[in-house]
Amino acid sequence: MRSGNLRKGICGIGGASVDLYFFTIELVMNTIVVDCYAGFLDHNYPGNHIWVGLLGEYDFLTKMPVNFDAPALRFTIG
């Protein structure tokens, strides 16, 4: 997975900086297919080695309408 385009010091909403590995991926959600450039965080969780995907305003949110309903803990895409 570390073969992606490494970008160091990416800052997010919380203000912390992380290193991300970026790939061009095809995101499939039911009948919706979106090509996008996504960053993945290499992070060790206890007992697992999980790659966490990160889709943000660049590319994904500019292509798809997304609605976040925080009180209901729900989001809709498309």
Protein backbone atom coordinates (compact mmCIF):
# COMPACT_ATOMS: atom_id res chain seq x y z
CA MET A 1 0.00 0.00 0.00
CA ARG A 2 2.94 2.34 0.49
CA SER A 3 3.38 2.45 -3.29
CA GLY A 4 1.05 5.45 -3.49
CA ASN A 5 2.08 9.08 -3.81
CA LEU A 6 3.23 9.99 -0.27
CA ARG A 7 2.30 13.49 0.89
CA LYS A 8 3.62 14.50 4.30
CA GLY A 9 2.14 16.99 6.74
CA ILE A 10 -1.47 17.05 5.51
CA CYS A 11 -3.64 19.01 7.99
CA GLY A 12 -7.27 18.11 8.62
CA ILE A 13 -10.22 19.46 10.55
CA GLY A 14 -8.67 18.69 13.95
CA GLY A 15 -5.51 20.62 13.04
CA ALA A 16 -3.15 17.65 13.44
CA SER A 17 -0.80 16.82 10.61
CA VAL A 18 -0.56 13.34 9.09
CA ASP A 19 1.19 11.60 6.21
CA LEU A 20 -1.10 10.19 3.51
CA TYR A 21 -0.56 7.82 0.59
CA PHE A 22 -2.63 8.94 -2.42
CA PHE A 23 -4.05 6.71 -5.14
CA THR A 24 -6.46 7.11 -8.03
CA ILE A 25 -9.33 4.78 -7.14
CA GLU A 26 -12.77 3.79 -8.37
CA LEU A 27 -15.29 4.28 -5.59
CA VAL A 28 -18.42 2.13 -5.99
CA MET A 29 -21.52 2.90 -3.90
CA ASN A 30 -24.49 0.77 -4.94
CA THR A 31 -25.14 2.01 -8.51
CA ILE A 32 -22.89 5.10 -8.27
CA VAL A 33 -19.31 4.84 -9.56
CA VAL A 34 -16.87 7.74 -9.05
CA ASP A 35 -13.22 7.94 -10.07
CA CYS A 36 -11.35 9.98 -7.49
CA TYR A 37 -7.96 10.69 -5.99
CA ALA A 38 -8.01 9.51 -2.37
CA GLY A 39 -5.53 9.63 0.48
CA PHE A 40 -5.04 6.71 2.85
CA LEU A 41 -3.65 6.95 6.36
CA ASP A 42 -1.31 4.18 7.50
CA HIS A 43 -2.30 3.70 11.12
CA ASN A 44 -1.84 0.84 13.57
CA TYR A 45 -4.94 0.08 15.59
CA PRO A 46 -4.55 -2.38 18.48
CA GLY A 47 -4.61 -5.91 17.03
CA ASN A 48 -5.09 -4.75 13.43
CA HIS A 49 -3.20 -3.01 10.67
CA ILE A 50 -5.87 -0.96 8.95
CA TRP A 51 -5.57 1.49 6.08
CA VAL A 52 -8.07 4.28 6.61
CA GLY A 53 -9.39 5.98 3.47
CA LEU A 54 -9.84 9.70 3.45
CA LEU A 55 -12.10 11.38 0.91
CA GLY A 56 -12.29 15.12 1.08
CA GLU A 57 -13.31 18.21 -0.80
CA TYR A 58 -10.62 17.74 -3.41
CA ASP A 59 -12.06 15.43 -6.06
CA PHE A 60 -14.76 13.43 -4.23
CA LEU A 61 -16.96 16.19 -2.78
CA THR A 62 -16.60 18.25 -5.95
CA LYS A 63 -18.11 15.39 -8.00
CA MET A 64 -20.92 14.15 -5.74
CA PRO A 65 -23.65 15.88 -3.73
CA VAL A 66 -23.17 14.86 -0.09
CA ASN A 67 -25.48 15.72 2.80
CA PHE A 68 -24.33 15.32 6.42
CA ASP A 69 -26.99 15.06 9.15
CA ALA A 70 -24.91 15.13 12.34
CA PRO A 71 -27.77 14.86 14.88
CA ALA A 72 -29.06 11.71 13.11
CA LEU A 73 -25.52 10.34 12.59
CA ARG A 74 -26.36 9.90 8.91
CA PHE A 75 -25.08 11.03 5.54
CA THR A 76 -26.43 10.63 2.01
CA ILE A 77 -24.50 10.56 -1.24
CA GLY A 78 -25.88 11.26 -4.69
